[in-house]
């Protein structure tokens, strides 16, 4: 169910790996969009996972972009 929800969403291009054991979903992979990590957790929970262990790594480029965005927002 989790994989199907991932496939239908914008996060499908990240090709996250999902394993489920005893109702606990473990997510792995890498993303260039920080928000995709949170989206993966939410989709897993709404798919019935009792808990989610999110081991998805956010790329350095995504972290830098978010940092710059935050700095620009503070100046405004």
N, C-alpha and C. Protein backbone atom coordinates (compact mmCIF):
# COMPACT_ATOMS: atom_id res chain seq x y z
N UNK A 1 0.82 -1.19 0.00
CA UNK A 1 0.00 0.00 0.00
C UNK A 1 0.87 1.26 0.00
N UNK A 2 1.93 1.24 0.80
CA UNK A 2 2.82 2.40 0.88
C UNK A 2 3.47 2.65 -0.47
N UNK A 3 4.01 1.60 -1.07
CA UNK A 3 4.66 1.76 -2.38
C UNK A 3 3.69 2.30 -3.42
N UNK A 4 2.45 1.85 -3.38
CA UNK A 4 1.44 2.32 -4.33
C UNK A 4 1.17 3.82 -4.14
N UNK A 5 1.09 4.26 -2.88
CA UNK A 5 0.88 5.69 -2.63
C UNK A 5 2.08 6.51 -3.08
N UNK A 6 3.28 5.99 -2.84
CA UNK A 6 4.48 6.68 -3.29
C UNK A 6 4.46 6.81 -4.81
N UNK A 7 4.08 5.75 -5.51
CA UNK A 7 4.08 5.74 -6.98
C UNK A 7 3.12 6.77 -7.55
N UNK A 8 2.03 7.06 -6.84
CA UNK A 8 1.03 8.01 -7.33
C UNK A 8 1.36 9.45 -6.98
N UNK A 9 2.39 9.67 -6.17
CA UNK A 9 2.69 11.02 -5.71
C UNK A 9 3.94 11.58 -6.40
N UNK A 10 4.21 12.85 -6.12
CA UNK A 10 5.38 13.51 -6.70
C UNK A 10 6.69 12.92 -6.19
N UNK A 11 6.66 12.23 -5.06
CA UNK A 11 7.89 11.67 -4.52
C UNK A 11 8.33 10.40 -5.24
N UNK A 12 7.54 9.94 -6.19
CA UNK A 12 7.87 8.69 -6.88
C UNK A 12 9.22 8.74 -7.58
N UNK A 13 9.64 9.92 -8.02
CA UNK A 13 10.92 10.04 -8.74
C UNK A 13 12.12 9.81 -7.83
N UNK A 14 11.91 9.83 -6.52
CA UNK A 14 13.01 9.59 -5.58
C UNK A 14 13.35 8.12 -5.42
N UNK A 15 12.44 7.24 -5.82
CA UNK A 15 12.66 5.80 -5.71
C UNK A 15 13.04 5.37 -4.29
N UNK A 16 12.29 5.86 -3.30
CA UNK A 16 12.55 5.47 -1.92
C UNK A 16 12.29 3.98 -1.75
N UNK A 17 13.07 3.35 -0.88
CA UNK A 17 12.86 1.95 -0.57
C UNK A 17 12.01 1.87 0.70
N UNK A 18 11.10 0.90 0.73
CA UNK A 18 10.20 0.72 1.86
C UNK A 18 10.25 -0.73 2.31
N UNK A 19 10.45 -0.94 3.60
CA UNK A 19 10.31 -2.27 4.18
C UNK A 19 9.38 -2.15 5.37
N UNK A 20 8.57 -3.16 5.59
CA UNK A 20 7.63 -3.15 6.70
C UNK A 20 7.80 -4.44 7.50
N UNK A 21 7.95 -4.28 8.80
CA UNK A 21 8.07 -5.44 9.69
C UNK A 21 7.27 -5.13 10.95
N UNK A 22 6.33 -6.00 11.27
CA UNK A 22 5.49 -5.83 12.45
C UNK A 22 4.79 -4.46 12.47
N UNK A 23 4.39 -3.98 11.32
CA UNK A 23 3.66 -2.72 11.22
C UNK A 23 4.52 -1.48 11.23
N UNK A 24 5.85 -1.66 11.31
CA UNK A 24 6.76 -0.52 11.33
C UNK A 24 7.40 -0.39 9.95
N UNK A 25 7.17 0.75 9.32
CA UNK A 25 7.72 1.01 7.99
C UNK A 25 9.08 1.67 8.14
N UNK A 26 10.07 1.15 7.42
CA UNK A 26 11.39 1.75 7.38
C UNK A 26 11.60 2.30 5.98
N UNK A 27 11.90 3.59 5.90
CA UNK A 27 12.07 4.27 4.63
C UNK A 27 13.54 4.63 4.45
N UNK A 28 14.08 4.33 3.27
CA UNK A 28 15.46 4.68 2.97
C UNK A 28 15.53 5.29 1.57
N UNK A 29 16.61 6.00 1.33
CA UNK A 29 16.83 6.63 0.03
C UNK A 29 17.38 8.03 0.22
N UNK A 30 17.44 8.76 -0.87
CA UNK A 30 17.96 10.12 -0.86
C UNK A 30 17.02 11.02 -1.65
N UNK A 31 16.92 12.27 -1.22
CA UNK A 31 16.07 13.23 -1.93
C UNK A 31 16.77 14.57 -2.07
N UNK A 32 16.41 15.29 -3.11
CA UNK A 32 16.91 16.64 -3.33
C UNK A 32 15.88 17.69 -2.92
N UNK A 33 14.75 17.23 -2.36
CA UNK A 33 13.69 18.12 -1.92
C UNK A 33 13.37 17.78 -0.47
N UNK A 34 13.67 18.69 0.43
CA UNK A 34 13.49 18.44 1.86
C UNK A 34 12.06 17.99 2.19
N UNK A 35 11.07 18.60 1.58
CA UNK A 35 9.68 18.29 1.89
C UNK A 35 9.31 16.84 1.56
N UNK A 36 10.02 16.22 0.64
CA UNK A 36 9.70 14.84 0.26
C UNK A 36 9.92 13.86 1.40
N UNK A 37 10.84 14.17 2.30
CA UNK A 37 11.08 13.31 3.46
C UNK A 37 9.83 13.27 4.35
N UNK A 38 9.27 14.43 4.64
CA UNK A 38 8.06 14.50 5.46
C UNK A 38 6.86 13.89 4.76
N UNK A 39 6.77 14.13 3.46
CA UNK A 39 5.67 13.55 2.68
C UNK A 39 5.71 12.03 2.73
N UNK A 40 6.90 11.46 2.64
CA UNK A 40 7.05 10.00 2.70
C UNK A 40 6.55 9.46 4.04
N UNK A 41 6.87 10.16 5.12
CA UNK A 41 6.40 9.74 6.44
C UNK A 41 4.88 9.80 6.52
N UNK A 42 4.30 10.91 6.07
CA UNK A 42 2.84 11.06 6.13
C UNK A 42 2.13 10.00 5.29
N UNK A 43 2.62 9.76 4.08
CA UNK A 43 1.99 8.76 3.22
C UNK A 43 2.08 7.36 3.84
N UNK A 44 3.18 7.08 4.50
CA UNK A 44 3.34 5.78 5.15
C UNK A 44 2.34 5.61 6.29
N UNK A 45 2.18 6.65 7.08
CA UNK A 45 1.23 6.59 8.21
C UNK A 45 -0.20 6.46 7.73
N UNK A 46 -0.55 7.19 6.66
CA UNK A 46 -1.92 7.10 6.16
C UNK A 46 -2.17 5.79 5.41
N UNK A 47 -1.11 5.06 5.14
CA UNK A 47 -1.26 3.76 4.49
C UNK A 47 -1.40 2.63 5.50
N UNK A 48 -1.35 2.98 6.79
CA UNK A 48 -1.59 1.97 7.81
C UNK A 48 -0.39 1.58 8.65
N UNK A 49 0.75 2.17 8.43
CA UNK A 49 1.92 1.83 9.24
C UNK A 49 1.68 2.29 10.68
N UNK A 50 2.00 1.42 11.64
CA UNK A 50 1.85 1.78 13.06
C UNK A 50 2.86 2.85 13.44
N UNK A 51 4.07 2.73 12.87
CA UNK A 51 5.15 3.67 13.12
C UNK A 51 6.01 3.75 11.87
N UNK A 52 6.77 4.83 11.77
CA UNK A 52 7.64 5.01 10.60
C UNK A 52 9.04 5.37 11.09
N UNK A 53 10.01 4.64 10.58
CA UNK A 53 11.41 4.95 10.83
C UNK A 53 11.95 5.54 9.54
N UNK A 54 12.08 6.85 9.51
CA UNK A 54 12.46 7.54 8.28
C UNK A 54 13.97 7.74 8.25
N UNK A 55 14.64 6.97 7.41
CA UNK A 55 16.09 7.07 7.26
C UNK A 55 16.46 7.72 5.93
N UNK A 56 15.53 8.46 5.36
CA UNK A 56 15.77 9.14 4.09
C UNK A 56 16.78 10.27 4.32
N UNK A 57 17.76 10.34 3.44
CA UNK A 57 18.80 11.35 3.53
C UNK A 57 18.46 12.52 2.61
N UNK A 58 18.61 13.73 3.13
CA UNK A 58 18.40 14.94 2.34
C UNK A 58 19.76 15.37 1.81
N UNK A 59 19.83 15.63 0.51
CA UNK A 59 21.11 15.99 -0.12
C UNK A 59 21.64 17.32 0.42
N UNK A 60 22.95 17.49 0.32
CA UNK A 60 23.57 18.74 0.75
C UNK A 60 23.04 19.92 -0.06
N UNK A 61 22.79 19.71 -1.35
CA UNK A 61 22.26 20.78 -2.21
C UNK A 61 20.89 21.24 -1.71
N UNK A 62 20.05 20.30 -1.29
CA UNK A 62 18.72 20.65 -0.79
C UNK A 62 18.83 21.41 0.53
N UNK A 63 19.76 20.99 1.37
CA UNK A 63 19.95 21.69 2.65
C UNK A 63 20.43 23.13 2.41
N UNK A 64 21.34 23.28 1.46
CA UNK A 64 21.87 24.62 1.14
C UNK A 64 20.77 25.51 0.59
N UNK A 65 19.96 24.97 -0.29
CA UNK A 65 18.86 25.73 -0.89
C UNK A 65 17.88 26.19 0.19
N UNK A 66 17.55 25.31 1.12
CA UNK A 66 16.63 25.66 2.20
C UNK A 66 17.24 26.72 3.11
N UNK A 67 18.53 26.60 3.36
CA UNK A 67 19.23 27.56 4.20
C UNK A 67 19.21 28.95 3.56
N UNK A 68 19.46 29.01 2.26
CA UNK A 68 19.43 30.28 1.55
C UNK A 68 18.03 30.88 1.55
N UNK A 69 17.03 30.02 1.38
CA UNK A 69 15.64 30.48 1.39
C UNK A 69 15.28 31.08 2.75
N UNK A 70 15.71 30.42 3.80
CA UNK A 70 15.45 30.92 5.15
C UNK A 70 16.16 32.24 5.39
N UNK A 71 17.39 32.36 4.95
CA UNK A 71 18.15 33.59 5.13
C UNK A 71 17.48 34.74 4.39
N UNK A 72 16.98 34.48 3.20
CA UNK A 72 16.27 35.51 2.43
C UNK A 72 14.97 35.92 3.10
N UNK A 73 14.29 34.99 3.71
CA UNK A 73 13.03 35.29 4.39
C UNK A 73 13.28 36.14 5.63
N UNK A 74 14.39 35.90 6.29
CA UNK A 74 14.71 36.67 7.49
C UNK A 74 14.99 38.13 7.14
N UNK A 75 15.63 38.35 5.98
CA UNK A 75 15.95 39.71 5.55
C UNK A 75 14.71 40.51 5.20
N UNK A 76 13.70 39.80 4.71
CA UNK A 76 12.46 40.47 4.29
C UNK A 76 11.65 40.81 5.48
